[in-house]
Amino acid sequence: MTYLCPKQAVQYLRQTFNISYSPSYLARLRCEGGGPIHTKLGNGRIYYQMKDLEAWIASRSHVRAHTAMPKPNRAWVAKFKGEDNHAAGNGLSRDYDIFALLEGKPG
């Protein structure tokens, strides 16, 4: 088993995973929770095992779907629904549910 002090752990994460954390960030995670498993030895020093750092990074890795979808403006809605944007009384003053529009359901 290889034990790394926080400074070495940060260097290992940077070299292995190209992730830049600071030792103070790891310290904050130790207090708040959510960080890698650590060991506190009798002398009060904190150490991390490489396998625990790797498991922590793996647990934080996920594929992110695009979450920021722009709200459609009136012209986009009119074009999507095939309406004339300048026609009077086209009902474009109300909000449309973009998911309903994309599925072809009435808004």
PDB file of N, CA and C in Angstrom:
ATOM      1  N   MET A   1       0.842  -1.188   0.000  1.00  0.00           N
ATOM      2  CA  MET A   1       0.000   0.000   0.000  1.00  0.00           C
ATOM      3  C   MET A   1       0.879   1.241   0.000  1.00  0.00           C
ATOM      4  N   THR A   2       0.500   2.162  -0.852  1.00  0.00           N
ATOM      5  CA  THR A   2       1.229   3.414  -0.936  1.00  0.00           C
ATOM      6  C   THR A   2       0.390   4.513  -0.303  1.00  0.00           C
ATOM      7  N   TYR A   3       0.957   5.160   0.695  1.00  0.00           N
ATOM      8  CA  TYR A   3       0.279   6.274   1.351  1.00  0.00           C
ATOM      9  C   TYR A   3       0.860   7.588   0.863  1.00  0.00           C
ATOM     10  N   LEU A   4      -0.027   8.540   0.599  1.00  0.00           N
ATOM     11  CA  LEU A   4       0.389   9.853   0.117  1.00  0.00           C
ATOM     12  C   LEU A   4      -0.105  10.918   1.088  1.00  0.00           C
ATOM     13  N   CYS A   5       0.756  11.874   1.398  1.00  0.00           N
ATOM     14  CA  CYS A   5       0.309  13.021   2.179  1.00  0.00           C
ATOM     15  C   CYS A   5      -0.564  13.895   1.263  1.00  0.00           C
ATOM     16  N   PRO A   6      -1.322  14.858   1.803  1.00  0.00           N
ATOM     17  CA  PRO A   6      -2.195  15.664   0.940  1.00  0.00           C
ATOM     18  C   PRO A   6      -1.472  16.328  -0.229  1.00  0.00           C
ATOM     19  N   LYS A   7      -0.278  16.826   0.011  1.00  0.00           N
ATOM     20  CA  LYS A   7       0.475  17.476  -1.080  1.00  0.00           C
ATOM     21  C   LYS A   7       0.814  16.468  -2.173  1.00  0.00           C
ATOM     22  N   GLN A   8       1.234  15.270  -1.788  1.00  0.00           N
ATOM     23  CA  GLN A   8       1.530  14.226  -2.769  1.00  0.00           C
ATOM     24  C   GLN A   8       0.251  13.745  -3.460  1.00  0.00           C
ATOM     25  N   ALA A   9      -0.842  13.700  -2.713  1.00  0.00           N
ATOM     26  CA  ALA A   9      -2.121  13.283  -3.295  1.00  0.00           C
ATOM     27  C   ALA A   9      -2.557  14.247  -4.389  1.00  0.00           C
ATOM     28  N   VAL A  10      -2.385  15.535  -4.143  1.00  0.00           N
ATOM     29  CA  VAL A  10      -2.735  16.547  -5.140  1.00  0.00           C
ATOM     30  C   VAL A  10      -1.863  16.390  -6.381  1.00  0.00           C
ATOM     31  N   GLN A  11      -0.579  16.138  -6.181  1.00  0.00           N
ATOM     32  CA  GLN A  11       0.327  15.931  -7.316  1.00  0.00           C
ATOM     33  C   GLN A  11      -0.073  14.678  -8.100  1.00  0.00           C
ATOM     34  N   TYR A  12      -0.433  13.626  -7.380  1.00  0.00           N
ATOM     35  CA  TYR A  12      -0.857  12.385  -8.034  1.00  0.00           C
ATOM     36  C   TYR A  12      -2.116  12.614  -8.868  1.00  0.00           C
ATOM     37  N   LEU A  13      -3.091  13.328  -8.319  1.00  0.00           N
ATOM     38  CA  LEU A  13      -4.319  13.612  -9.065  1.00  0.00           C
ATOM     39  C   LEU A  13      -4.029  14.444 -10.308  1.00  0.00           C
ATOM     40  N   ARG A  14      -3.115  15.397 -10.186  1.00  0.00           N
ATOM     41  CA  ARG A  14      -2.769  16.247 -11.325  1.00  0.00           C
ATOM     42  C   ARG A  14      -2.074  15.441 -12.413  1.00  0.00           C
ATOM     43  N   GLN A  15      -1.120  14.602 -12.021  1.00  0.00           N
ATOM     44  CA  GLN A  15      -0.350  13.840 -13.007  1.00  0.00           C
ATOM     45  C   GLN A  15      -1.168  12.705 -13.628  1.00  0.00           C
ATOM     46  N   THR A  16      -1.987  12.049 -12.827  1.00  0.00           N
ATOM     47  CA  THR A  16      -2.710  10.873 -13.308  1.00  0.00           C
ATOM     48  C   THR A  16      -4.001  11.227 -14.024  1.00  0.00           C
ATOM     49  N   PHE A  17      -4.765  12.180 -13.456  1.00  0.00           N
ATOM     50  CA  PHE A  17      -6.090  12.480 -13.984  1.00  0.00           C
ATOM     51  C   PHE A  17      -6.206  13.883 -14.579  1.00  0.00           C
ATOM     52  N   ASN A  18      -5.132  14.653 -14.527  1.00  0.00           N
ATOM     53  CA  ASN A  18      -5.131  16.034 -15.015  1.00  0.00           C
ATOM     54  C   ASN A  18      -6.197  16.875 -14.296  1.00  0.00           C
ATOM     55  N   ILE A  19      -6.300  16.649 -12.985  1.00  0.00           N
ATOM     56  CA  ILE A  19      -7.251  17.370 -12.143  1.00  0.00           C
ATOM     57  C   ILE A  19      -6.457  18.199 -11.149  1.00  0.00           C
ATOM     58  N   SER A  20      -6.720  19.467 -11.098  1.00  0.00           N
ATOM     59  CA  SER A  20      -5.969  20.367 -10.210  1.00  0.00           C
ATOM     60  C   SER A  20      -6.789  20.709  -8.980  1.00  0.00           C
ATOM     61  N   TYR A  21      -6.468  20.055  -7.881  1.00  0.00           N
ATOM     62  CA  TYR A  21      -7.024  20.392  -6.578  1.00  0.00           C
ATOM     63  C   TYR A  21      -5.882  20.878  -5.705  1.00  0.00           C
ATOM     64  N   SER A  22      -6.226  21.596  -4.684  1.00  0.00           N
ATOM     65  CA  SER A  22      -5.208  22.054  -3.734  1.00  0.00           C
ATOM     66  C   SER A  22      -5.317  21.227  -2.462  1.00  0.00           C
ATOM     67  N   PRO A  23      -4.235  21.175  -1.683  1.00  0.00           N
ATOM     68  CA  PRO A  23      -4.314  20.478  -0.396  1.00  0.00           C
ATOM     69  C   PRO A  23      -5.395  21.071   0.515  1.00  0.00           C
ATOM     70  N   SER A  24      -5.617  22.373   0.422  1.00  0.00           N
ATOM     71  CA  SER A  24      -6.649  22.992   1.258  1.00  0.00           C
ATOM     72  C   SER A  24      -8.052  22.548   0.832  1.00  0.00           C
ATOM     73  N   TYR A  25      -8.245  22.261  -0.458  1.00  0.00           N
ATOM     74  CA  TYR A  25      -9.534  21.752  -0.918  1.00  0.00           C
ATOM     75  C   TYR A  25      -9.781  20.362  -0.340  1.00  0.00           C
ATOM     76  N   LEU A  26      -8.748  19.512  -0.343  1.00  0.00           N
ATOM     77  CA  LEU A  26      -8.894  18.191   0.259  1.00  0.00           C
ATOM     78  C   LEU A  26      -9.183  18.312   1.752  1.00  0.00           C
ATOM     79  N   ALA A  27      -8.557  19.291   2.416  1.00  0.00           N
ATOM     80  CA  ALA A  27      -8.822  19.512   3.840  1.00  0.00           C
ATOM     81  C   ALA A  27     -10.276  19.919   4.058  1.00  0.00           C
ATOM     82  N   ARG A  28     -10.787  20.776   3.202  1.00  0.00           N
ATOM     83  CA  ARG A  28     -12.183  21.195   3.313  1.00  0.00           C
ATOM     84  C   ARG A  28     -13.121  20.006   3.116  1.00  0.00           C
ATOM     85  N   LEU A  29     -12.805  19.139   2.147  1.00  0.00           N
ATOM     86  CA  LEU A  29     -13.626  17.960   1.916  1.00  0.00           C
ATOM     87  C   LEU A  29     -13.571  16.999   3.100  1.00  0.00           C
ATOM     88  N   ARG A  30     -12.436  16.947   3.785  1.00  0.00           N
ATOM     89  CA  ARG A  30     -12.351  16.093   4.976  1.00  0.00           C
ATOM     90  C   ARG A  30     -13.316  16.583   6.050  1.00  0.00           C
ATOM     91  N   CYS A  31     -13.461  17.891   6.175  1.00  0.00           N
ATOM     92  CA  CYS A  31     -14.359  18.461   7.187  1.00  0.00           C
ATOM     93  C   CYS A  31     -15.822  18.383   6.764  1.00  0.00           C
ATOM     94  N   GLU A  32     -16.094  18.705   5.516  1.00  0.00           N
ATOM     95  CA  GLU A  32     -17.476  18.782   5.030  1.00  0.00           C
ATOM     96  C   GLU A  32     -18.013  17.446   4.551  1.00  0.00           C
ATOM     97  N   GLY A  33     -17.130  16.542   4.199  1.00  0.00           N
ATOM     98  CA  GLY A  33     -17.548  15.261   3.642  1.00  0.00           C
ATOM     99  C   GLY A  33     -17.525  15.301   2.134  1.00  0.00           C
ATOM    100  N   GLY A  34     -17.530  14.134   1.528  1.00  0.00           N
ATOM    101  CA  GLY A  34     -17.550  14.042   0.075  1.00  0.00           C
ATOM    102  C   GLY A  34     -16.185  13.882  -0.548  1.00  0.00           C
ATOM    103  N   GLY A  35     -15.144  13.834   0.262  1.00  0.00           N
ATOM    104  CA  GLY A  35     -13.800  13.681  -0.271  1.00  0.00           C
ATOM    105  C   GLY A  35     -13.380  12.227  -0.292  1.00  0.00           C
ATOM    106  N   PRO A  36     -12.153  11.988  -0.706  1.00  0.00           N
ATOM    107  CA  PRO A  36     -11.650  10.617  -0.729  1.00  0.00           C
ATOM    108  C   PRO A  36     -11.444  10.091   0.698  1.00  0.00           C
ATOM    109  N   ILE A  37     -11.452   8.783   0.820  1.00  0.00           N
ATOM    110  CA  ILE A  37     -11.180   8.157   2.119  1.00  0.00           C
ATOM    111  C   ILE A  37      -9.754   8.512   2.525  1.00  0.00           C
ATOM    112  N   HIS A  38      -9.598   8.881   3.769  1.00  0.00           N
ATOM    113  CA  HIS A  38      -8.282   9.257   4.260  1.00  0.00           C
ATOM    114  C   HIS A  38      -7.993   8.519   5.568  1.00  0.00           C
ATOM    115  N   THR A  39      -6.725   8.491   5.930  1.00  0.00           N
ATOM    116  CA  THR A  39      -6.286   7.844   7.157  1.00  0.00           C
ATOM    117  C   THR A  39      -5.558   8.877   7.992  1.00  0.00           C
ATOM    118  N   LYS A  40      -5.917   8.926   9.258  1.00  0.00           N
ATOM    119  CA  LYS A  40      -5.228   9.830  10.177  1.00  0.00           C
ATOM    120  C   LYS A  40      -4.386   8.960  11.102  1.00  0.00           C
ATOM    121  N   LEU A  41      -3.091   9.080  10.982  1.00  0.00           N
ATOM    122  CA  LEU A  41      -2.189   8.254  11.776  1.00  0.00           C
ATOM    123  C   LEU A  41      -1.969   8.881  13.151  1.00  0.00           C
ATOM    124  N   GLY A  42      -1.313   8.135  14.022  1.00  0.00           N
ATOM    125  CA  GLY A  42      -1.118   8.558  15.400  1.00  0.00           C
ATOM    126  C   GLY A  42      -0.430   9.899  15.569  1.00  0.00           C
ATOM    127  N   ASN A  43       0.363  10.282  14.607  1.00  0.00           N
ATOM    128  CA  ASN A  43       1.054  11.568  14.715  1.00  0.00           C
ATOM    129  C   ASN A  43       0.176  12.737  14.256  1.00  0.00           C
ATOM    130  N   GLY A  44      -1.090  12.454  13.910  1.00  0.00           N
ATOM    131  CA  GLY A  44      -2.020  13.499  13.504  1.00  0.00           C
ATOM    132  C   GLY A  44      -1.943  13.870  12.036  1.00  0.00           C
ATOM    133  N   ARG A  45      -1.116  13.191  11.305  1.00  0.00           N
ATOM    134  CA  ARG A  45      -0.981  13.489   9.870  1.00  0.00           C
ATOM    135  C   ARG A  45      -2.000  12.699   9.058  1.00  0.00           C
ATOM    136  N   ILE A  46      -2.421  13.325   7.981  1.00  0.00           N
ATOM    137  CA  ILE A  46      -3.420  12.745   7.080  1.00  0.00           C
ATOM    138  C   ILE A  46      -2.713  12.095   5.899  1.00  0.00           C
ATOM    139  N   TYR A  47      -3.185  10.912   5.531  1.00  0.00           N
ATOM    140  CA  TYR A  47      -2.643  10.205   4.380  1.00  0.00           C
ATOM    141  C   TYR A  47      -3.782   9.632   3.553  1.00  0.00           C
ATOM    142  N   TYR A  48      -3.534   9.527   2.252  1.00  0.00           N
ATOM    143  CA  TYR A  48      -4.473   8.938   1.309  1.00  0.00           C
ATOM    144  C   TYR A  48      -3.810   7.748   0.640  1.00  0.00           C
ATOM    145  N   GLN A  49      -4.606   6.739   0.323  1.00  0.00           N
ATOM    146  CA  GLN A  49      -4.098   5.630  -0.477  1.00  0.00           C
ATOM    147  C   GLN A  49      -4.453   5.896  -1.935  1.00  0.00           C
ATOM    148  N   MET A  50      -3.568   5.488  -2.832  1.00  0.00           N
ATOM    149  CA  MET A  50      -3.816   5.709  -4.260  1.00  0.00           C
ATOM    150  C   MET A  50      -5.134   5.084  -4.704  1.00  0.00           C
ATOM    151  N   LYS A  51      -5.414   3.875  -4.228  1.00  0.00           N
ATOM    152  CA  LYS A  51      -6.646   3.196  -4.641  1.00  0.00           C
ATOM    153  C   LYS A  51      -7.876   3.971  -4.184  1.00  0.00           C
ATOM    154  N   ASP A  52      -7.801   4.637  -3.025  1.00  0.00           N
ATOM    155  CA  ASP A  52      -8.931   5.433  -2.550  1.00  0.00           C
ATOM    156  C   ASP A  52      -9.099   6.703  -3.380  1.00  0.00           C
ATOM    157  N   LEU A  53      -7.987   7.309  -3.791  1.00  0.00           N
ATOM    158  CA  LEU A  53      -8.061   8.489  -4.658  1.00  0.00           C
ATOM    159  C   LEU A  53      -8.673   8.112  -6.008  1.00  0.00           C
ATOM    160  N   GLU A  54      -8.239   6.973  -6.549  1.00  0.00           N
ATOM    161  CA  GLU A  54      -8.773   6.520  -7.843  1.00  0.00           C
ATOM    162  C   GLU A  54     -10.261   6.192  -7.743  1.00  0.00           C
ATOM    163  N   ALA A  55     -10.669   5.550  -6.654  1.00  0.00           N
ATOM    164  CA  ALA A  55     -12.085   5.225  -6.470  1.00  0.00           C
ATOM    165  C   ALA A  55     -12.913   6.495  -6.317  1.00  0.00           C
ATOM    166  N   TRP A  56     -12.373   7.491  -5.622  1.00  0.00           N
ATOM    167  CA  TRP A  56     -13.082   8.755  -5.434  1.00  0.00           C
ATOM    168  C   TRP A  56     -13.276   9.468  -6.767  1.00  0.00           C
ATOM    169  N   ILE A  57     -12.227   9.520  -7.582  1.00  0.00           N
ATOM    170  CA  ILE A  57     -12.327  10.157  -8.899  1.00  0.00           C
ATOM    171  C   ILE A  57     -13.333   9.399  -9.771  1.00  0.00           C
ATOM    172  N   ALA A  58     -13.298   8.070  -9.717  1.00  0.00           N
ATOM    173  CA  ALA A  58     -14.237   7.272 -10.514  1.00  0.00           C
ATOM    174  C   ALA A  58     -15.678   7.536 -10.078  1.00  0.00           C
ATOM    175  N   SER A  59     -15.892   7.740  -8.782  1.00  0.00           N
ATOM    176  CA  SER A  59     -17.254   7.999  -8.308  1.00  0.00           C
ATOM    177  C   SER A  59     -17.744   9.385  -8.712  1.00  0.00           C
ATOM    178  N   ARG A  60     -16.824  10.297  -8.957  1.00  0.00           N
ATOM    179  CA  ARG A  60     -17.189  11.656  -9.353  1.00  0.00           C
ATOM    180  C   ARG A  60     -17.284  11.808 -10.862  1.00  0.00           C
ATOM    181  N   SER A  61     -16.834  10.827 -11.611  1.00  0.00           N
ATOM    182  CA  SER A  61     -16.834  10.910 -13.070  1.00  0.00           C
ATOM    183  C   SER A  61     -18.188  10.462 -13.597  1.00  0.00           C
ATOM    184  N   HIS A  62     -18.756  11.248 -14.457  1.00  0.00           N
ATOM    185  CA  HIS A  62     -20.017  10.909 -15.091  1.00  0.00           C
ATOM    186  C   HIS A  62     -20.109  11.653 -16.409  1.00  0.00           C
ATOM    187  N   VAL A  63     -20.947  11.151 -17.259  1.00  0.00           N
ATOM    188  CA  VAL A  63     -21.191  11.804 -18.539  1.00  0.00           C
ATOM    189  C   VAL A  63     -22.289  12.821 -18.318  1.00  0.00           C
ATOM    190  N   ARG A  64     -22.000  14.057 -18.618  1.00  0.00           N
ATOM    191  CA  ARG A  64     -22.973  15.125 -18.405  1.00  0.00           C
ATOM    192  C   ARG A  64     -23.735  15.392 -19.690  1.00  0.00           C
ATOM    193  N   ALA A  65     -25.035  15.345 -19.562  1.00  0.00           N
ATOM    194  CA  ALA A  65     -25.885  15.712 -20.688  1.00  0.00           C
ATOM    195  C   ALA A  65     -25.954  17.230 -20.757  1.00  0.00           C
ATOM    196  N   HIS A  66     -26.239  17.750 -21.909  1.00  0.00           N
ATOM    197  CA  HIS A  66     -26.357  19.197 -22.063  1.00  0.00           C
ATOM    198  C   HIS A  66     -27.579  19.649 -21.278  1.00  0.00           C
ATOM    199  N   THR A  67     -27.364  20.452 -20.249  1.00  0.00           N
ATOM    200  CA  THR A  67     -28.470  20.833 -19.377  1.00  0.00           C
ATOM    201  C   THR A  67     -28.977  22.241 -19.639  1.00  0.00           C
ATOM    202  N   ALA A  68     -28.219  23.029 -20.347  1.00  0.00           N
ATOM    203  CA  ALA A  68     -28.628  24.416 -20.576  1.00  0.00           C
ATOM    204  C   ALA A  68     -29.327  24.521 -21.923  1.00  0.00           C
ATOM    205  N   MET A  69     -30.617  24.494 -21.902  1.00  0.00           N
ATOM    206  CA  MET A  69     -31.387  24.624 -23.126  1.00  0.00           C
ATOM    207  C   MET A  69     -31.957  26.042 -23.174  1.00  0.00           C
ATOM    208  N   PRO A  70     -31.676  26.782 -24.215  1.00  0.00           N
ATOM    209  CA  PRO A  70     -32.177  28.155 -24.260  1.00  0.00           C
ATOM    210  C   PRO A  70     -33.690  28.200 -24.363  1.00  0.00           C
ATOM    211  N   LYS A  71     -34.272  29.188 -23.727  1.00  0.00           N
ATOM    212  CA  LYS A  71     -35.717  29.374 -23.820  1.00  0.00           C
ATOM    213  C   LYS A  71     -36.033  29.928 -25.201  1.00  0.00           C
ATOM    214  N   PRO A  72     -36.981  29.311 -25.896  1.00  0.00           N
ATOM    215  CA  PRO A  72     -37.277  29.768 -27.250  1.00  0.00           C
ATOM    216  C   PRO A  72     -37.926  31.150 -27.237  1.00  0.00           C
ATOM    217  N   ASN A  73     -37.527  31.963 -28.182  1.00  0.00           N
ATOM    218  CA  ASN A  73     -38.180  33.266 -28.291  1.00  0.00           C
ATOM    219  C   ASN A  73     -39.406  33.129 -29.197  1.00  0.00           C
ATOM    220  N   ARG A  74     -40.175  34.164 -29.287  1.00  0.00           N
ATOM    221  CA  ARG A  74     -41.439  34.113 -30.037  1.00  0.00           C
ATOM    222  C   ARG A  74     -41.232  33.782 -31.513  1.00  0.00           C
ATOM    223  N   ALA A  75     -40.180  34.329 -32.094  1.00  0.00           N
ATOM    224  CA  ALA A  75     -39.930  34.070 -33.508  1.00  0.00           C
ATOM    225  C   ALA A  75     -39.613  32.588 -33.733  1.00  0.00           C
ATOM    226  N   TRP A  76     -38.844  32.004 -32.834  1.00  0.00           N
ATOM    227  CA  TRP A  76     -38.501  30.590 -32.965  1.00  0.00           C
ATOM    228  C   TRP A  76     -39.758  29.734 -32.842  1.00  0.00           C
ATOM    229  N   VAL A  77     -40.609  30.056 -31.863  1.00  0.00           N
ATOM    230  CA  VAL A  77     -41.850  29.296 -31.671  1.00  0.00           C
ATOM    231  C   VAL A  77     -42.738  29.413 -32.900  1.00  0.00           C
ATOM    232  N   ALA A  78     -42.868  30.631 -33.448  1.00  0.00           N
ATOM    233  CA  ALA A  78     -43.705  30.834 -34.630  1.00  0.00           C
ATOM    234  C   ALA A  78     -43.158  30.054 -35.821  1.00  0.00           C
ATOM    235  N   LYS A  79     -41.858  30.080 -35.991  1.00  0.00           N
ATOM    236  CA  LYS A  79     -41.253  29.354 -37.101  1.00  0.00           C
ATOM    237  C   LYS A  79     -41.444  27.851 -36.915  1.00  0.00           C
ATOM    238  N   PHE A  80     -41.267  27.379 -35.676  1.00  0.00           N
ATOM    239  CA  PHE A  80     -41.406  25.956 -35.402  1.00  0.00           C
ATOM    240  C   PHE A  80     -42.834  25.485 -35.630  1.00  0.00           C
ATOM    241  N   LYS A  81     -43.784  26.319 -35.247  1.00  0.00           N
ATOM    242  CA  LYS A  81     -45.198  25.944 -35.403  1.00  0.00           C
ATOM    243  C   LYS A  81     -45.746  26.301 -36.784  1.00  0.00           C
ATOM    244  N   GLY A  82     -44.933  26.940 -37.624  1.00  0.00           N
ATOM    245  CA  GLY A  82     -45.361  27.286 -38.968  1.00  0.00           C
ATOM    246  C   GLY A  82     -46.287  28.473 -39.008  1.00  0.00           C
ATOM    247  N   GLU A  83     -46.222  29.340 -38.023  1.00  0.00           N
ATOM    248  CA  GLU A  83     -47.089  30.514 -37.975  1.00  0.00           C
ATOM    249  C   GLU A  83     -46.348  31.734 -38.507  1.00  0.00           C
ATOM    250  N   ASP A  84     -47.096  32.687 -38.957  1.00  0.00           N
ATOM    251  CA  ASP A  84     -46.535  33.966 -39.381  1.00  0.00           C
ATOM    252  C   ASP A  84     -46.245  34.773 -38.127  1.00  0.00           C
ATOM    253  N   ASN A  85     -45.010  35.144 -37.934  1.00  0.00           N
ATOM    254  CA  ASN A  85     -44.589  35.854 -36.719  1.00  0.00           C
ATOM    255  C   ASN A  85     -45.263  37.209 -36.593  1.00  0.00           C
ATOM    256  N   HIS A  86     -45.650  37.805 -37.702  1.00  0.00           N
ATOM    257  CA  HIS A  86     -46.230  39.145 -37.661  1.00  0.00           C
ATOM    258  C   HIS A  86     -47.757  39.131 -37.719  1.00  0.00           C
ATOM    259  N   ALA A  87     -48.328  37.942 -37.757  1.00  0.00           N
ATOM    260  CA  ALA A  87     -49.790  37.872 -37.841  1.00  0.00           C
ATOM    261  C   ALA A  87     -50.409  38.295 -36.503  1.00  0.00           C
ATOM    262  N   ALA A  88     -51.506  39.004 -36.605  1.00  0.00           N
ATOM    263  CA  ALA A  88     -52.186  39.455 -35.388  1.00  0.00           C
ATOM    264  C   ALA A  88     -52.903  38.282 -34.743  1.00  0.00           C
ATOM    265  N   GLY A  89     -52.892  38.262 -33.452  1.00  0.00           N
ATOM    266  CA  GLY A  89     -53.620  37.238 -32.708  1.00  0.00           C
ATOM    267  C   GLY A  89     -53.055  35.839 -32.873  1.00  0.00           C
ATOM    268  N   ASN A  90     -51.755  35.725 -33.037  1.00  0.00           N
ATOM    269  CA  ASN A  90     -51.181  34.395 -33.211  1.00  0.00           C
ATOM    270  C   ASN A  90     -50.916  33.673 -31.891  1.00  0.00           C
ATOM    271  N   GLY A  91     -51.217  34.313 -30.759  1.00  0.00           N
ATOM    272  CA  GLY A  91     -51.081  33.646 -29.467  1.00  0.00           C
ATOM    273  C   GLY A  91     -49.654  33.474 -28.998  1.00  0.00           C
ATOM    274  N   LEU A  92     -48.713  34.203 -29.570  1.00  0.00           N
ATOM    275  CA  LEU A  92     -47.321  34.031 -29.191  1.00  0.00           C
ATOM    276  C   LEU A  92     -46.935  34.800 -27.927  1.00  0.00           C
ATOM    277  N   SER A  93     -47.876  35.480 -27.326  1.00  0.00           N
ATOM    278  CA  SER A  93     -47.543  36.220 -26.117  1.00  0.00           C
ATOM    279  C   SER A  93     -47.464  35.306 -24.897  1.00  0.00           C
ATOM    280  N   ARG A  94     -48.035  34.109 -24.983  1.00  0.00           N
ATOM    281  CA  ARG A  94     -47.952  33.211 -23.837  1.00  0.00           C
ATOM    282  C   ARG A  94     -46.716  32.322 -23.950  1.00  0.00           C
ATOM    283  N   ASP A  95     -46.312  31.744 -22.828  1.00  0.00           N
ATOM    284  CA  ASP A  95     -45.146  30.869 -22.825  1.00  0.00           C
ATOM    285  C   ASP A  95     -45.515  29.508 -23.386  1.00  0.00           C
ATOM    286  N   TYR A  96     -44.577  28.911 -24.086  1.00  0.00           N
ATOM    287  CA  TYR A  96     -44.758  27.581 -24.636  1.00  0.00           C
ATOM    288  C   TYR A  96     -43.852  26.609 -23.903  1.00  0.00           C
ATOM    289  N   ASP A  97     -44.333  25.412 -23.721  1.00  0.00           N
ATOM    290  CA  ASP A  97     -43.520  24.347 -23.170  1.00  0.00           C
ATOM    291  C   ASP A  97     -42.684  23.785 -24.311  1.00  0.00           C
ATOM    292  N   ILE A  98     -41.371  23.981 -24.246  1.00  0.00           N
ATOM    293  CA  ILE A  98     -40.504  23.584 -25.355  1.00  0.00           C
ATOM    294  C   ILE A  98     -40.548  22.081 -25.582  1.00  0.00           C
ATOM    295  N   PHE A  99     -40.689  21.308 -24.516  1.00  0.00           N
ATOM    296  CA  PHE A  99     -40.720  19.866 -24.691  1.00  0.00           C
ATOM    297  C   PHE A  99     -42.001  19.432 -25.392  1.00  0.00           C
ATOM    298  N   ALA A 100     -43.105  20.090 -25.079  1.00  0.00           N
ATOM    299  CA  ALA A 100     -44.353  19.787 -25.781  1.00  0.00           C
ATOM    300  C   ALA A 100     -44.232  20.158 -27.254  1.00  0.00           C
ATOM    301  N   LEU A 101     -43.579  21.278 -27.543  1.00  0.00           N
ATOM    302  CA  LEU A 101     -43.391  21.685 -28.930  1.00  0.00           C
ATOM    303  C   LEU A 101     -42.521  20.666 -29.687  1.00  0.00           C
ATOM    304  N   LEU A 102     -41.463  20.218 -29.048  1.00  0.00           N
ATOM    305  CA  LEU A 102     -40.568  19.280 -29.706  1.00  0.00           C
ATOM    306  C   LEU A 102     -41.243  17.932 -29.938  1.00  0.00           C
ATOM    307  N   GLU A 103     -42.173  17.557 -29.088  1.00  0.00           N
ATOM    308  CA  GLU A 103     -42.889  16.308 -29.266  1.00  0.00           C
ATOM    309  C   GLU A 103     -44.106  16.475 -30.186  1.00  0.00           C
ATOM    310  N   GLY A 104     -44.365  17.705 -30.610  1.00  0.00           N
ATOM    311  CA  GLY A 104     -45.476  17.965 -31.505  1.00  0.00           C
ATOM    312  C   GLY A 104     -46.821  18.093 -30.812  1.00  0.00           C
ATOM    313  N   LYS A 105     -46.809  18.248 -29.499  1.00  0.00           N
ATOM    314  CA  LYS A 105     -48.045  18.410 -28.741  1.00  0.00           C
ATOM    315  C   LYS A 105     -48.402  19.886 -28.693  1.00  0.00           C
ATOM    316  N   PRO A 106     -49.674  20.205 -28.615  1.00  0.00           N
ATOM    317  CA  PRO A 106     -50.040  21.621 -28.523  1.00  0.00           C
ATOM    318  C   PRO A 106     -49.562  22.227 -27.206  1.00  0.00           C
ATOM    319  N   GLY A 107     -49.112  23.463 -27.286  1.00  0.00           N
ATOM    320  CA  GLY A 107     -48.573  24.154 -26.101  1.00  0.00           C
ATOM    321  C   GLY A 107     -49.611  24.699 -25.302  1.00  0.00           C
TER     322      GLY A 107
END
